[in-house]
Amino acid sequence: MNNMNDLDSCEFKAAPIPVSFKVVGVGNGVADIVEKVKSFGYDCVGCIVAQSPDYCIPADDDKMVIIVAKDNYDIANAIAKTYHDAGLLTLGLLKEADYACYDSVDQNAPSGDYPDIIKILLQSIVSEGLICYDFNDLCTTLHNMHSFTTLMAEGADVKNAVAGIQEQMGKIAVENVKYMSAILYFNRERQPAITMEDINPLYDMLSGLPESVDVIWSVNYDDSLPVGTIRLTSIMSGQELRL
C-alpha cells in the first residue's frame, strides 16, 4: 500500500513515458465501443476492429491489450492467445472467455459498460497525479489473476465518493479479492486543494479491508471533471473472484 504522505508536501509526478496499449474489438457490435475508446484521446492507445488473428501481430513495444467481443468468441480467444503468448498483459471483456488465453477477464459486465471499464483501466496509467500509479501497478493488480471487476463513484467530496464505492462493494465477495487498486481523481483547479484530511475516508476504507487484500492507491488529476466533483475508481482482481 502506498504511504499516506501529506499531499501538501507531494511534488508533481509527470505521467509515465507512453508505451503501447491496444484495444482490439472482435466480431459484430464492437465498432461503436472502439470509436468511443478512440474519443478518449489517449495517444499511447491503439484501437482496431479485427476479424482474425492475422490482423493482430504483437509489436515489440506493445505492453497490454484489452480484447472486447460480443460474439465470435473463438476468434477473440485466439487473438488473446497471440498476445498472451507474447508476454503482454492480456485482458478480456467478453462473456465466453478461454481463461487460459488471458491474464484477467471480466465476463459479467454488461457490454454497454465496456467503454467505461476500458476508461477506468487506461486512465489510471495515462493520467498525471500527485501520487503516481503506472503500468507496473496495473500489471501487479491484473497479471495472472483470472478475474477482475471495476467500480466507479463520484461525489462532492472524497467521503461521498468512498461511500458510493463501499455501497457497490457490498455485492462483491471481498474475501476473494487478492489485489485492489483505488484511484482518486480531481480537477487541479479545485479550491481549496485536496488535503491529507480530505483523503482520510479513502484511507479508512482501504485500512478496513481484509489483510489478505493487497492495496495500491493513487491520487490523479482529471481536469475534465467539474471542479466540485471527486471521482473514485477501483480495480479488483482475484483467482476466486466471483460476482
C-alpha atoms as a PDB file:
ATOM      1  CA  MET A   1       0.000   0.000   0.000  1.00  0.00           C
ATOM      2  CA  ASN A   2       1.206   3.475  -0.783  1.00  0.00           C
ATOM      3  CA  ASN A   3       2.104   5.514   2.275  1.00  0.00           C
ATOM      4  CA  MET A   4      -0.319   8.262   3.247  1.00  0.00           C
ATOM      5  CA  ASN A   5       2.012  11.198   2.772  1.00  0.00           C
ATOM      6  CA  ASP A   6       0.914  14.768   3.356  1.00  0.00           C
ATOM      7  CA  LEU A   7      -0.448  15.817  -0.024  1.00  0.00           C
ATOM      8  CA  ASP A   8       0.668  19.403   0.535  1.00  0.00           C
ATOM      9  CA  SER A   9       4.289  18.215   0.500  1.00  0.00           C
ATOM     10  CA  CYS A  10       3.983  15.947  -2.554  1.00  0.00           C
ATOM     11  CA  GLU A  11       5.804  17.031  -5.652  1.00  0.00           C
ATOM     12  CA  PHE A  12       4.169  16.877  -9.048  1.00  0.00           C
ATOM     13  CA  LYS A  13       4.563  13.481 -10.714  1.00  0.00           C
ATOM     14  CA  ALA A  14       4.602  13.503 -14.503  1.00  0.00           C
ATOM     15  CA  ALA A  15       2.797  10.796 -16.436  1.00  0.00           C
ATOM     16  CA  PRO A  16       4.939   7.775 -17.311  1.00  0.00           C
ATOM     17  CA  ILE A  17       6.612   7.638 -20.704  1.00  0.00           C
ATOM     18  CA  PRO A  18       3.934   6.471 -23.180  1.00  0.00           C
ATOM     19  CA  VAL A  19       4.095   2.814 -24.128  1.00  0.00           C
ATOM     20  CA  SER A  20       1.901   0.832 -26.463  1.00  0.00           C
ATOM     21  CA  PHE A  21      -1.501  -0.294 -25.257  1.00  0.00           C
ATOM     22  CA  LYS A  22      -4.089  -1.781 -27.600  1.00  0.00           C
ATOM     23  CA  VAL A  23      -7.855  -2.188 -27.563  1.00  0.00           C
ATOM     24  CA  VAL A  24      -8.983  -4.871 -30.017  1.00  0.00           C
ATOM     25  CA  GLY A  25     -12.659  -5.260 -30.859  1.00  0.00           C
ATOM     26  CA  VAL A  26     -13.683  -8.599 -32.338  1.00  0.00           C
ATOM     27  CA  GLY A  27     -16.853  -9.529 -34.194  1.00  0.00           C
ATOM     28  CA  ASN A  28     -20.146  -7.703 -34.501  1.00  0.00           C
ATOM     29  CA  GLY A  29     -21.346  -4.738 -32.483  1.00  0.00           C
ATOM     30  CA  VAL A  30     -17.947  -3.579 -31.230  1.00  0.00           C
ATOM     31  CA  ALA A  31     -17.188  -0.740 -33.670  1.00  0.00           C
ATOM     32  CA  ASP A  32     -19.043   1.801 -31.515  1.00  0.00           C
ATOM     33  CA  ILE A  33     -17.090   0.653 -28.455  1.00  0.00           C
ATOM     34  CA  VAL A  34     -13.783   1.070 -30.279  1.00  0.00           C
ATOM     35  CA  GLU A  35     -14.797   4.520 -31.555  1.00  0.00           C
ATOM     36  CA  LYS A  36     -15.744   5.565 -28.026  1.00  0.00           C
ATOM     37  CA  VAL A  37     -12.335   4.500 -26.749  1.00  0.00           C
ATOM     38  CA  LYS A  38     -10.691   6.473 -29.552  1.00  0.00           C
ATOM     39  CA  SER A  39     -12.629   9.549 -28.401  1.00  0.00           C
ATOM     40  CA  PHE A  40     -10.799   9.407 -25.042  1.00  0.00           C
ATOM     41  CA  GLY A  41      -7.798  10.837 -26.898  1.00  0.00           C
ATOM     42  CA  TYR A  42      -5.098   8.672 -25.324  1.00  0.00           C
ATOM     43  CA  ASP A  43      -2.114   8.980 -27.675  1.00  0.00           C
ATOM     44  CA  CYS A  44      -0.439   5.802 -26.402  1.00  0.00           C
ATOM     45  CA  VAL A  45      -3.513   3.625 -27.101  1.00  0.00           C
ATOM     46  CA  GLY A  46      -4.148   1.961 -30.447  1.00  0.00           C
ATOM     47  CA  CYS A  47      -7.688   0.821 -31.303  1.00  0.00           C
ATOM     48  CA  ILE A  48      -8.681  -1.641 -34.024  1.00  0.00           C
ATOM     49  CA  VAL A  49     -11.535  -3.927 -35.049  1.00  0.00           C
ATOM     50  CA  ALA A  50     -10.155  -7.326 -36.065  1.00  0.00           C
ATOM     51  CA  GLN A  51     -11.757 -10.230 -37.899  1.00  0.00           C
ATOM     52  CA  SER A  52      -8.994 -12.796 -37.385  1.00  0.00           C
ATOM     53  CA  PRO A  53      -5.692 -13.303 -35.551  1.00  0.00           C
ATOM     54  CA  ASP A  54      -3.937 -12.320 -38.794  1.00  0.00           C
ATOM     55  CA  TYR A  55      -4.880  -8.698 -38.062  1.00  0.00           C
ATOM     56  CA  CYS A  56      -3.207  -8.771 -34.665  1.00  0.00           C
ATOM     57  CA  ILE A  57       0.536  -9.251 -34.575  1.00  0.00           C
ATOM     58  CA  PRO A  58       2.111  -8.034 -31.302  1.00  0.00           C
ATOM     59  CA  ALA A  59       4.715  -5.310 -31.807  1.00  0.00           C
ATOM     60  CA  ASP A  60       7.975  -5.146 -29.890  1.00  0.00           C
ATOM     61  CA  ASP A  61       6.821  -2.174 -27.796  1.00  0.00           C
ATOM     62  CA  ASP A  62       3.330  -3.481 -27.007  1.00  0.00           C
ATOM     63  CA  LYS A  63       2.719  -3.889 -23.280  1.00  0.00           C
ATOM     64  CA  MET A  64      -1.019  -4.538 -22.869  1.00  0.00           C
ATOM     65  CA  VAL A  65      -4.065  -5.494 -24.905  1.00  0.00           C
ATOM     66  CA  ILE A  66      -7.750  -5.359 -23.998  1.00  0.00           C
ATOM     67  CA  ILE A  67      -9.894  -7.745 -26.058  1.00  0.00           C
ATOM     68  CA  VAL A  68     -13.583  -6.807 -26.454  1.00  0.00           C
ATOM     69  CA  ALA A  69     -16.187  -9.083 -28.021  1.00  0.00           C
ATOM     70  CA  LYS A  70     -19.945  -9.639 -28.098  1.00  0.00           C
ATOM     71  CA  ASP A  71     -19.743 -12.722 -30.329  1.00  0.00           C
ATOM     72  CA  ASN A  72     -17.144 -14.650 -32.346  1.00  0.00           C
ATOM     73  CA  TYR A  73     -15.625 -15.690 -29.035  1.00  0.00           C
ATOM     74  CA  ASP A  74     -13.382 -18.359 -30.594  1.00  0.00           C
ATOM     75  CA  ILE A  75     -11.678 -15.703 -32.711  1.00  0.00           C
ATOM     76  CA  ALA A  76     -11.423 -13.341 -29.737  1.00  0.00           C
ATOM     77  CA  ASN A  77      -9.781 -16.055 -27.650  1.00  0.00           C
ATOM     78  CA  ALA A  78      -7.362 -16.927 -30.467  1.00  0.00           C
ATOM     79  CA  ILE A  79      -6.329 -13.268 -30.766  1.00  0.00           C
ATOM     80  CA  ALA A  80      -5.917 -13.038 -26.993  1.00  0.00           C
ATOM     81  CA  LYS A  81      -3.699 -16.127 -27.025  1.00  0.00           C
ATOM     82  CA  THR A  82      -1.419 -14.475 -29.602  1.00  0.00           C
ATOM     83  CA  TYR A  83      -0.808 -11.535 -27.273  1.00  0.00           C
ATOM     84  CA  HIS A  84      -0.699 -13.583 -24.086  1.00  0.00           C
ATOM     85  CA  ASP A  85       1.883 -15.959 -25.538  1.00  0.00           C
ATOM     86  CA  ALA A  86       3.961 -12.891 -26.498  1.00  0.00           C
ATOM     87  CA  GLY A  87       4.088 -11.865 -22.832  1.00  0.00           C
ATOM     88  CA  LEU A  88       1.666  -8.915 -22.938  1.00  0.00           C
ATOM     89  CA  LEU A  89      -0.767  -8.163 -20.135  1.00  0.00           C
ATOM     90  CA  THR A  90      -3.908  -9.553 -21.773  1.00  0.00           C
ATOM     91  CA  LEU A  91      -7.343  -8.524 -20.507  1.00  0.00           C
ATOM     92  CA  GLY A  92     -10.762  -9.607 -21.714  1.00  0.00           C
ATOM     93  CA  LEU A  93     -14.244  -8.112 -21.777  1.00  0.00           C
ATOM     94  CA  LEU A  94     -16.426 -10.901 -23.146  1.00  0.00           C
ATOM     95  CA  LYS A  95     -18.931 -13.479 -21.950  1.00  0.00           C
ATOM     96  CA  GLU A  96     -17.266 -16.691 -23.151  1.00  0.00           C
ATOM     97  CA  ALA A  97     -13.568 -16.378 -22.455  1.00  0.00           C
ATOM     98  CA  ASP A  98     -10.983 -19.132 -22.531  1.00  0.00           C
ATOM     99  CA  TYR A  99      -9.243 -18.054 -19.338  1.00  0.00           C
ATOM    100  CA  ALA A 100      -6.007 -19.723 -20.404  1.00  0.00           C
ATOM    101  CA  CYS A 101      -5.665 -17.013 -23.071  1.00  0.00           C
ATOM    102  CA  TYR A 102      -5.918 -14.054 -20.673  1.00  0.00           C
ATOM    103  CA  ASP A 103      -4.387 -12.678 -17.507  1.00  0.00           C
ATOM    104  CA  SER A 104      -7.758 -11.416 -16.239  1.00  0.00           C
ATOM    105  CA  VAL A 105     -11.294 -11.326 -17.607  1.00  0.00           C
ATOM    106  CA  ASP A 106     -14.491  -9.501 -16.694  1.00  0.00           C
ATOM    107  CA  GLN A 107     -17.214 -11.669 -18.188  1.00  0.00           C
ATOM    108  CA  ASN A 108     -20.042 -10.363 -16.006  1.00  0.00           C
ATOM    109  CA  ALA A 109     -20.180  -6.690 -17.039  1.00  0.00           C
ATOM    110  CA  PRO A 110     -22.924  -5.591 -19.469  1.00  0.00           C
ATOM    111  CA  SER A 111     -21.483  -4.776 -22.890  1.00  0.00           C
ATOM    112  CA  GLY A 112     -22.867  -1.249 -22.543  1.00  0.00           C
ATOM    113  CA  ASP A 113     -20.382  -0.723 -19.706  1.00  0.00           C
ATOM    114  CA  TYR A 114     -17.326  -1.789 -21.730  1.00  0.00           C
ATOM    115  CA  PRO A 115     -16.205   1.753 -22.712  1.00  0.00           C
ATOM    116  CA  ASP A 116     -16.404   2.921 -19.084  1.00  0.00           C
ATOM    117  CA  ILE A 117     -14.436  -0.120 -17.901  1.00  0.00           C
ATOM    118  CA  ILE A 118     -11.758   0.442 -20.528  1.00  0.00           C
ATOM    119  CA  LYS A 119     -11.505   4.083 -19.479  1.00  0.00           C
ATOM    120  CA  ILE A 120     -11.075   3.089 -15.828  1.00  0.00           C
ATOM    121  CA  LEU A 121      -8.212   0.777 -16.816  1.00  0.00           C
ATOM    122  CA  LEU A 122      -6.467   3.185 -19.183  1.00  0.00           C
ATOM    123  CA  GLN A 123      -6.959   6.472 -17.360  1.00  0.00           C
ATOM    124  CA  SER A 124      -5.222   5.098 -14.303  1.00  0.00           C
ATOM    125  CA  ILE A 125      -1.941   4.751 -16.243  1.00  0.00           C
ATOM    126  CA  VAL A 126      -2.079   7.700 -18.658  1.00  0.00           C
ATOM    127  CA  SER A 127      -3.141  10.489 -16.292  1.00  0.00           C
ATOM    128  CA  GLU A 128      -0.875  12.732 -14.240  1.00  0.00           C
ATOM    129  CA  GLY A 129      -1.127  12.861 -10.500  1.00  0.00           C
ATOM    130  CA  LEU A 130       0.131  13.749  -7.074  1.00  0.00           C
ATOM    131  CA  ILE A 131       0.731  10.131  -6.118  1.00  0.00           C
ATOM    132  CA  CYS A 132       1.897   8.075  -9.073  1.00  0.00           C
ATOM    133  CA  TYR A 133       0.143   4.989 -10.468  1.00  0.00           C
ATOM    134  CA  ASP A 134       1.777   3.426 -13.513  1.00  0.00           C
ATOM    135  CA  PHE A 135       1.600   0.392 -15.778  1.00  0.00           C
ATOM    136  CA  ASN A 136       3.594  -1.726 -13.325  1.00  0.00           C
ATOM    137  CA  ASP A 137       0.916  -1.113 -10.692  1.00  0.00           C
ATOM    138  CA  LEU A 138      -1.848  -2.107 -13.100  1.00  0.00           C
ATOM    139  CA  CYS A 139       0.137  -5.184 -14.117  1.00  0.00           C
ATOM    140  CA  THR A 140       0.598  -6.160 -10.464  1.00  0.00           C
ATOM    141  CA  THR A 141      -3.158  -5.886  -9.981  1.00  0.00           C
ATOM    142  CA  LEU A 142      -4.202  -7.904 -13.034  1.00  0.00           C
ATOM    143  CA  HIS A 143      -1.351 -10.226 -14.089  1.00  0.00           C
ATOM    144  CA  ASN A 144      -2.409 -13.902 -13.871  1.00  0.00           C
ATOM    145  CA  MET A 145      -5.410 -13.013 -11.688  1.00  0.00           C
ATOM    146  CA  HIS A 146      -8.117 -14.847 -13.687  1.00  0.00           C
ATOM    147  CA  SER A 147     -10.976 -12.407 -12.958  1.00  0.00           C
ATOM    148  CA  PHE A 148     -11.351  -8.694 -12.407  1.00  0.00           C
ATOM    149  CA  THR A 149     -14.048  -6.104 -11.867  1.00  0.00           C
ATOM    150  CA  THR A 150     -14.134  -2.313 -11.808  1.00  0.00           C
ATOM    151  CA  LEU A 151     -16.168   0.189  -9.812  1.00  0.00           C
ATOM    152  CA  MET A 152     -16.662   3.943 -10.136  1.00  0.00           C
ATOM    153  CA  ALA A 153     -18.356   6.523  -7.933  1.00  0.00           C
ATOM    154  CA  GLU A 154     -18.482  10.319  -7.858  1.00  0.00           C
ATOM    155  CA  GLY A 155     -19.322  12.778  -5.128  1.00  0.00           C
ATOM    156  CA  ALA A 156     -18.901  16.323  -3.951  1.00  0.00           C
ATOM    157  CA  ASP A 157     -16.018  15.196  -1.738  1.00  0.00           C
ATOM    158  CA  VAL A 158     -13.894  12.130  -1.023  1.00  0.00           C
ATOM    159  CA  LYS A 159     -16.244  10.925   1.703  1.00  0.00           C
ATOM    160  CA  ASN A 160     -19.215  10.772  -0.668  1.00  0.00           C
ATOM    161  CA  ALA A 161     -17.203   9.080  -3.423  1.00  0.00           C
ATOM    162  CA  VAL A 162     -15.899   6.489  -0.953  1.00  0.00           C
ATOM    163  CA  ALA A 163     -19.443   5.832   0.278  1.00  0.00           C
ATOM    164  CA  GLY A 164     -20.512   5.150  -3.301  1.00  0.00           C
ATOM    165  CA  ILE A 165     -17.728   2.603  -3.794  1.00  0.00           C
ATOM    166  CA  GLN A 166     -18.480   0.947  -0.452  1.00  0.00           C
ATOM    167  CA  GLU A 167     -22.126   0.530  -1.429  1.00  0.00           C
ATOM    168  CA  GLN A 168     -21.115  -1.220  -4.655  1.00  0.00           C
ATOM    169  CA  MET A 169     -18.600  -3.402  -2.842  1.00  0.00           C
ATOM    170  CA  GLY A 170     -21.457  -4.841  -0.820  1.00  0.00           C
ATOM    171  CA  LYS A 171     -22.226  -7.015  -3.852  1.00  0.00           C
ATOM    172  CA  ILE A 172     -18.682  -8.407  -4.082  1.00  0.00           C
ATOM    173  CA  ALA A 173     -17.118 -11.265  -2.122  1.00  0.00           C
ATOM    174  CA  VAL A 174     -14.266  -9.088  -0.866  1.00  0.00           C
ATOM    175  CA  GLU A 175     -12.630 -12.052   0.860  1.00  0.00           C
ATOM    176  CA  ASN A 176     -11.890 -13.398  -2.639  1.00  0.00           C
ATOM    177  CA  VAL A 177     -10.146 -10.209  -3.757  1.00  0.00           C
ATOM    178  CA  LYS A 178      -6.357 -10.508  -3.977  1.00  0.00           C
ATOM    179  CA  TYR A 179      -5.467  -7.053  -5.350  1.00  0.00           C
ATOM    180  CA  MET A 180      -7.293  -3.752  -5.286  1.00  0.00           C
ATOM    181  CA  SER A 181      -6.216  -0.541  -6.987  1.00  0.00           C
ATOM    182  CA  ALA A 182      -8.019   2.622  -5.875  1.00  0.00           C
ATOM    183  CA  ILE A 183      -7.516   5.767  -7.944  1.00  0.00           C
ATOM    184  CA  LEU A 184      -8.876   9.121  -6.805  1.00  0.00           C
ATOM    185  CA  TYR A 185      -9.398  11.866  -9.398  1.00  0.00           C
ATOM    186  CA  PHE A 186      -9.960  15.595  -9.017  1.00  0.00           C
ATOM    187  CA  ASN A 187      -9.705  18.738 -11.120  1.00  0.00           C
ATOM    188  CA  ARG A 188      -6.448  20.524 -10.335  1.00  0.00           C
ATOM    189  CA  GLU A 189      -8.366  23.824 -10.271  1.00  0.00           C
ATOM    190  CA  ARG A 190     -10.392  22.605  -7.318  1.00  0.00           C
ATOM    191  CA  GLN A 191     -10.349  25.066  -4.416  1.00  0.00           C
ATOM    192  CA  PRO A 192      -9.498  24.523  -1.700  1.00  0.00           C
ATOM    193  CA  ALA A 193      -6.969  21.930  -2.825  1.00  0.00           C
ATOM    194  CA  ILE A 194      -7.151  18.312  -1.654  1.00  0.00           C
ATOM    195  CA  THR A 195      -5.501  17.853   1.757  1.00  0.00           C
ATOM    196  CA  MET A 196      -4.434  14.921   3.898  1.00  0.00           C
ATOM    197  CA  GLU A 197      -7.577  15.285   5.981  1.00  0.00           C
ATOM    198  CA  ASP A 198      -9.709  15.048   2.832  1.00  0.00           C
ATOM    199  CA  ILE A 199      -8.102  11.695   1.977  1.00  0.00           C
ATOM    200  CA  ASN A 200      -8.850  10.109   5.359  1.00  0.00           C
ATOM    201  CA  PRO A 201     -12.150   8.465   4.265  1.00  0.00           C
ATOM    202  CA  LEU A 202     -10.283   6.633   1.485  1.00  0.00           C
ATOM    203  CA  TYR A 203      -7.560   5.568   3.889  1.00  0.00           C
ATOM    204  CA  ASP A 204     -10.172   4.334   6.377  1.00  0.00           C
ATOM    205  CA  MET A 205     -11.921   2.271   3.669  1.00  0.00           C
ATOM    206  CA  LEU A 206      -8.678   0.666   2.499  1.00  0.00           C
ATOM    207  CA  SER A 207      -7.493   0.016   6.055  1.00  0.00           C
ATOM    208  CA  GLY A 208     -10.757  -1.798   6.755  1.00  0.00           C
ATOM    209  CA  LEU A 209     -10.261  -4.364   4.012  1.00  0.00           C
ATOM    210  CA  PRO A 210      -9.218  -7.925   4.895  1.00  0.00           C
ATOM    211  CA  GLU A 211      -5.461  -8.248   5.443  1.00  0.00           C
ATOM    212  CA  SER A 212      -5.344 -10.673   2.515  1.00  0.00           C
ATOM    213  CA  VAL A 213      -6.116  -7.827   0.079  1.00  0.00           C
ATOM    214  CA  ASP A 214      -3.039  -6.093  -1.362  1.00  0.00           C
ATOM    215  CA  VAL A 215      -3.888  -2.440  -1.988  1.00  0.00           C
ATOM    216  CA  ILE A 216      -2.350   0.098  -4.382  1.00  0.00           C
ATOM    217  CA  TRP A 217      -3.770   3.616  -4.439  1.00  0.00           C
ATOM    218  CA  SER A 218      -3.103   6.935  -6.094  1.00  0.00           C
ATOM    219  CA  VAL A 219      -4.384  10.495  -6.401  1.00  0.00           C
ATOM    220  CA  ASN A 220      -4.613  11.684 -10.018  1.00  0.00           C
ATOM    221  CA  TYR A 221      -5.742  14.717 -11.965  1.00  0.00           C
ATOM    222  CA  ASP A 222      -8.746  14.758 -14.302  1.00  0.00           C
ATOM    223  CA  ASP A 223      -9.321  18.301 -15.474  1.00  0.00           C
ATOM    224  CA  SER A 224     -12.424  17.203 -17.407  1.00  0.00           C
ATOM    225  CA  LEU A 225     -14.198  16.725 -14.081  1.00  0.00           C
ATOM    226  CA  PRO A 226     -16.339  19.563 -12.764  1.00  0.00           C
ATOM    227  CA  VAL A 227     -14.316  21.482 -10.185  1.00  0.00           C
ATOM    228  CA  GLY A 228     -16.703  20.406  -7.441  1.00  0.00           C
ATOM    229  CA  THR A 229     -16.628  16.673  -8.244  1.00  0.00           C
ATOM    230  CA  ILE A 230     -14.429  13.871  -6.911  1.00  0.00           C
ATOM    231  CA  ARG A 231     -14.249  10.545  -8.766  1.00  0.00           C
ATOM    232  CA  LEU A 232     -13.028   7.297  -7.207  1.00  0.00           C
ATOM    233  CA  THR A 233     -12.390   4.208  -9.313  1.00  0.00           C
ATOM    234  CA  SER A 234     -11.463   0.729  -8.162  1.00  0.00           C
ATOM    235  CA  ILE A 235      -9.919  -2.226  -9.993  1.00  0.00           C
ATOM    236  CA  MET A 236     -10.184  -5.523  -8.097  1.00  0.00           C
ATOM    237  CA  SER A 237      -8.878  -8.936  -9.084  1.00  0.00           C
ATOM    238  CA  GLY A 238      -8.574 -12.458  -7.743  1.00  0.00           C
ATOM    239  CA  GLN A 239      -8.283 -16.092  -8.712  1.00  0.00           C
ATOM    240  CA  GLU A 240     -11.575 -16.859  -6.967  1.00  0.00           C
ATOM    241  CA  LEU A 241     -13.311 -13.543  -7.593  1.00  0.00           C
ATOM    242  CA  ARG A 242     -16.957 -14.103  -8.433  1.00  0.00           C
ATOM    243  CA  LEU A 243     -19.760 -11.553  -8.640  1.00  0.00           C
END
